[in-house]
Amino acid sequence: QVQLVESGGGLVQAGGSLRLSCAASGSSFSINPMHWHRQAPGKQREWVALITSGGTTNYAGSVKGRFTISRDNAKNTLYLQMNSLKPEDTAVYYCGGIGLGRPYWGQGTQVTVSS
């Protein structure tokens, strides 16, 4: 079993920064790569970024250059540093991925960016 718990969301003004965390427990090492997704009100969930166990990263075009995904394997924690936030970044952010043959996702953390 894998448990994922996101935190760090909140309300921030445009241009500000937030760092999201995703604490993993259980067989979280089986999830590779780890992803961040987000879902804005009335929109479909969209992929934001991924990181492999080897540290390779990839980003959606809309966040490239502003967001940084990282992981601390010793702490079993995934991070998403978000800079230069825009109102269109407002969404619920989820961490997760495929592990042991099935998807695992956290409950999400709300990020609201005011203009």
C-alpha atoms as a PDB file:
ATOM      1  CA  GLN A   1       0.000   0.000   0.000  1.00  0.00           C
ATOM      2  CA  VAL A   2       1.031   3.566  -0.659  1.00  0.00           C
ATOM      3  CA  GLN A   3      -0.119   6.674   1.137  1.00  0.00           C
ATOM      4  CA  LEU A   4       0.464  10.159  -0.228  1.00  0.00           C
ATOM      5  CA  VAL A   5      -0.319  13.392   1.614  1.00  0.00           C
ATOM      6  CA  GLU A   6       0.074  16.788  -0.029  1.00  0.00           C
ATOM      7  CA  SER A   7       0.551  20.030   1.882  1.00  0.00           C
ATOM      8  CA  GLY A   8       1.757  23.578   1.384  1.00  0.00           C
ATOM      9  CA  GLY A   9      -1.086  25.025  -0.624  1.00  0.00           C
ATOM     10  CA  GLY A  10      -2.656  28.355   0.160  1.00  0.00           C
ATOM     11  CA  LEU A  11      -3.581  31.799  -1.091  1.00  0.00           C
ATOM     12  CA  VAL A  12      -0.858  33.881  -2.729  1.00  0.00           C
ATOM     13  CA  GLN A  13      -0.744  36.993  -4.873  1.00  0.00           C
ATOM     14  CA  ALA A  14       0.288  36.833  -8.490  1.00  0.00           C
ATOM     15  CA  GLY A  15       4.054  36.822  -8.771  1.00  0.00           C
ATOM     16  CA  GLY A  16       4.439  35.062  -5.443  1.00  0.00           C
ATOM     17  CA  SER A  17       5.815  31.646  -4.575  1.00  0.00           C
ATOM     18  CA  LEU A  18       4.677  28.477  -2.822  1.00  0.00           C
ATOM     19  CA  ARG A  19       6.324  25.149  -2.142  1.00  0.00           C
ATOM     20  CA  LEU A  20       4.156  22.069  -2.140  1.00  0.00           C
ATOM     21  CA  SER A  21       5.170  18.890  -0.355  1.00  0.00           C
ATOM     22  CA  CYS A  22       4.012  15.311  -0.836  1.00  0.00           C
ATOM     23  CA  ALA A  23       4.811  12.978   2.038  1.00  0.00           C
ATOM     24  CA  ALA A  24       4.896   9.347   0.985  1.00  0.00           C
ATOM     25  CA  SER A  25       4.660   6.220   3.106  1.00  0.00           C
ATOM     26  CA  GLY A  26       4.199   2.540   2.498  1.00  0.00           C
ATOM     27  CA  SER A  27       5.640   1.137  -0.735  1.00  0.00           C
ATOM     28  CA  SER A  28       6.061   4.607  -2.224  1.00  0.00           C
ATOM     29  CA  PHE A  29       9.415   3.623  -3.746  1.00  0.00           C
ATOM     30  CA  SER A  30       7.411   1.581  -6.253  1.00  0.00           C
ATOM     31  CA  ILE A  31       6.014   4.753  -7.864  1.00  0.00           C
ATOM     32  CA  ASN A  32       8.345   5.821 -10.644  1.00  0.00           C
ATOM     33  CA  PRO A  33       8.227   8.413 -11.942  1.00  0.00           C
ATOM     34  CA  MET A  34       6.446  10.610  -9.425  1.00  0.00           C
ATOM     35  CA  HIS A  35       4.134  13.257 -10.861  1.00  0.00           C
ATOM     36  CA  TRP A  36       2.376  16.444  -9.958  1.00  0.00           C
ATOM     37  CA  HIS A  37      -0.988  17.025 -11.580  1.00  0.00           C
ATOM     38  CA  ARG A  38      -3.499  19.824 -11.069  1.00  0.00           C
ATOM     39  CA  GLN A  39      -7.178  20.414 -11.642  1.00  0.00           C
ATOM     40  CA  ALA A  40      -8.744  23.838 -11.931  1.00  0.00           C
ATOM     41  CA  PRO A  41     -12.471  24.390 -11.342  1.00  0.00           C
ATOM     42  CA  GLY A  42     -14.485  23.230 -14.316  1.00  0.00           C
ATOM     43  CA  LYS A  43     -11.434  21.892 -16.127  1.00  0.00           C
ATOM     44  CA  GLN A  44      -9.875  18.499 -16.685  1.00  0.00           C
ATOM     45  CA  ARG A  45      -6.933  17.362 -14.598  1.00  0.00           C
ATOM     46  CA  GLU A  46      -3.670  18.273 -16.283  1.00  0.00           C
ATOM     47  CA  TRP A  47      -0.145  16.996 -15.867  1.00  0.00           C
ATOM     48  CA  VAL A  48       2.339  19.478 -14.397  1.00  0.00           C
ATOM     49  CA  ALA A  49       5.697  17.773 -13.869  1.00  0.00           C
ATOM     50  CA  LEU A  50       7.462  14.483 -13.236  1.00  0.00           C
ATOM     51  CA  ILE A  51      10.658  13.249 -11.689  1.00  0.00           C
ATOM     52  CA  THR A  52      12.209   9.801 -12.036  1.00  0.00           C
ATOM     53  CA  SER A  53      14.038   7.868  -9.366  1.00  0.00           C
ATOM     54  CA  GLY A  54      17.243   8.913 -11.095  1.00  0.00           C
ATOM     55  CA  GLY A  55      16.353  12.593 -10.877  1.00  0.00           C
ATOM     56  CA  THR A  56      15.333  13.228 -14.473  1.00  0.00           C
ATOM     57  CA  THR A  57      12.632  15.899 -14.651  1.00  0.00           C
ATOM     58  CA  ASN A  58      10.116  17.089 -17.198  1.00  0.00           C
ATOM     59  CA  TYR A  59       7.571  19.902 -17.155  1.00  0.00           C
ATOM     60  CA  ALA A  60       4.432  21.039 -18.896  1.00  0.00           C
ATOM     61  CA  GLY A  61       5.065  24.011 -21.137  1.00  0.00           C
ATOM     62  CA  SER A  62       2.792  26.221 -19.062  1.00  0.00           C
ATOM     63  CA  VAL A  63       5.008  25.882 -15.954  1.00  0.00           C
ATOM     64  CA  LYS A  64       8.465  25.383 -17.434  1.00  0.00           C
ATOM     65  CA  GLY A  65      10.928  27.874 -16.054  1.00  0.00           C
ATOM     66  CA  ARG A  66       8.652  28.746 -13.127  1.00  0.00           C
ATOM     67  CA  PHE A  67       8.129  25.419 -11.316  1.00  0.00           C
ATOM     68  CA  THR A  68      10.752  22.999 -10.040  1.00  0.00           C
ATOM     69  CA  ILE A  69      10.043  19.411  -9.032  1.00  0.00           C
ATOM     70  CA  SER A  70      12.412  17.667  -6.647  1.00  0.00           C
ATOM     71  CA  ARG A  71      12.500  14.747  -4.235  1.00  0.00           C
ATOM     72  CA  ASP A  72      14.226  13.905  -0.987  1.00  0.00           C
ATOM     73  CA  ASN A  73      14.505  10.141  -0.949  1.00  0.00           C
ATOM     74  CA  ALA A  74      15.733  10.080   2.648  1.00  0.00           C
ATOM     75  CA  LYS A  75      12.546  11.841   3.751  1.00  0.00           C
ATOM     76  CA  ASN A  76      10.265  10.078   1.237  1.00  0.00           C
ATOM     77  CA  THR A  77       9.035  13.492   0.198  1.00  0.00           C
ATOM     78  CA  LEU A  78       8.287  15.027  -3.186  1.00  0.00           C
ATOM     79  CA  TYR A  79       8.306  18.798  -3.668  1.00  0.00           C
ATOM     80  CA  LEU A  80       7.031  21.336  -6.154  1.00  0.00           C
ATOM     81  CA  GLN A  81       8.566  24.791  -5.892  1.00  0.00           C
ATOM     82  CA  MET A  82       6.298  27.238  -7.669  1.00  0.00           C
ATOM     83  CA  ASN A  83       7.580  30.717  -8.499  1.00  0.00           C
ATOM     84  CA  SER A  84       6.131  33.621 -10.479  1.00  0.00           C
ATOM     85  CA  LEU A  85       2.656  32.281  -9.841  1.00  0.00           C
ATOM     86  CA  LYS A  86      -0.185  33.371 -12.097  1.00  0.00           C
ATOM     87  CA  PRO A  87      -3.953  33.368 -11.520  1.00  0.00           C
ATOM     88  CA  GLU A  88      -4.218  30.557 -14.074  1.00  0.00           C
ATOM     89  CA  ASP A  89      -2.141  28.366 -11.746  1.00  0.00           C
ATOM     90  CA  THR A  90      -5.121  28.267  -9.374  1.00  0.00           C
ATOM     91  CA  ALA A  91      -6.060  24.608  -8.934  1.00  0.00           C
ATOM     92  CA  VAL A  92      -5.992  21.629  -6.634  1.00  0.00           C
ATOM     93  CA  TYR A  93      -2.564  20.030  -6.909  1.00  0.00           C
ATOM     94  CA  TYR A  94      -2.098  16.265  -6.619  1.00  0.00           C
ATOM     95  CA  CYS A  95       0.996  14.095  -6.341  1.00  0.00           C
ATOM     96  CA  GLY A  96       1.161  10.470  -7.359  1.00  0.00           C
ATOM     97  CA  GLY A  97       1.794   8.006 -10.104  1.00  0.00           C
ATOM     98  CA  ILE A  98       1.677   4.331 -10.970  1.00  0.00           C
ATOM     99  CA  GLY A  99       3.066   1.857  -8.486  1.00  0.00           C
ATOM    100  CA  LEU A 100       2.633  -1.909  -8.075  1.00  0.00           C
ATOM    101  CA  GLY A 101       0.501  -1.861 -11.180  1.00  0.00           C
ATOM    102  CA  ARG A 102      -2.079   0.690 -10.062  1.00  0.00           C
ATOM    103  CA  PRO A 103      -2.426   4.471  -9.713  1.00  0.00           C
ATOM    104  CA  TYR A 104      -1.897   6.213  -6.380  1.00  0.00           C
ATOM    105  CA  TRP A 105      -2.854   9.812  -5.738  1.00  0.00           C
ATOM    106  CA  GLY A 106      -3.039  12.026  -2.698  1.00  0.00           C
ATOM    107  CA  GLN A 107      -6.077  13.999  -1.616  1.00  0.00           C
ATOM    108  CA  GLY A 108      -4.757  17.232  -3.111  1.00  0.00           C
ATOM    109  CA  THR A 109      -3.878  20.675  -1.814  1.00  0.00           C
ATOM    110  CA  GLN A 110      -5.555  23.886  -2.948  1.00  0.00           C
ATOM    111  CA  VAL A 111      -3.493  26.654  -4.520  1.00  0.00           C
ATOM    112  CA  THR A 112      -5.216  29.974  -5.145  1.00  0.00           C
ATOM    113  CA  VAL A 113      -3.432  32.820  -6.909  1.00  0.00           C
ATOM    114  CA  SER A 114      -5.086  36.228  -6.728  1.00  0.00           C
ATOM    115  CA  SER A 115      -4.559  38.896  -9.353  1.00  0.00           C
END
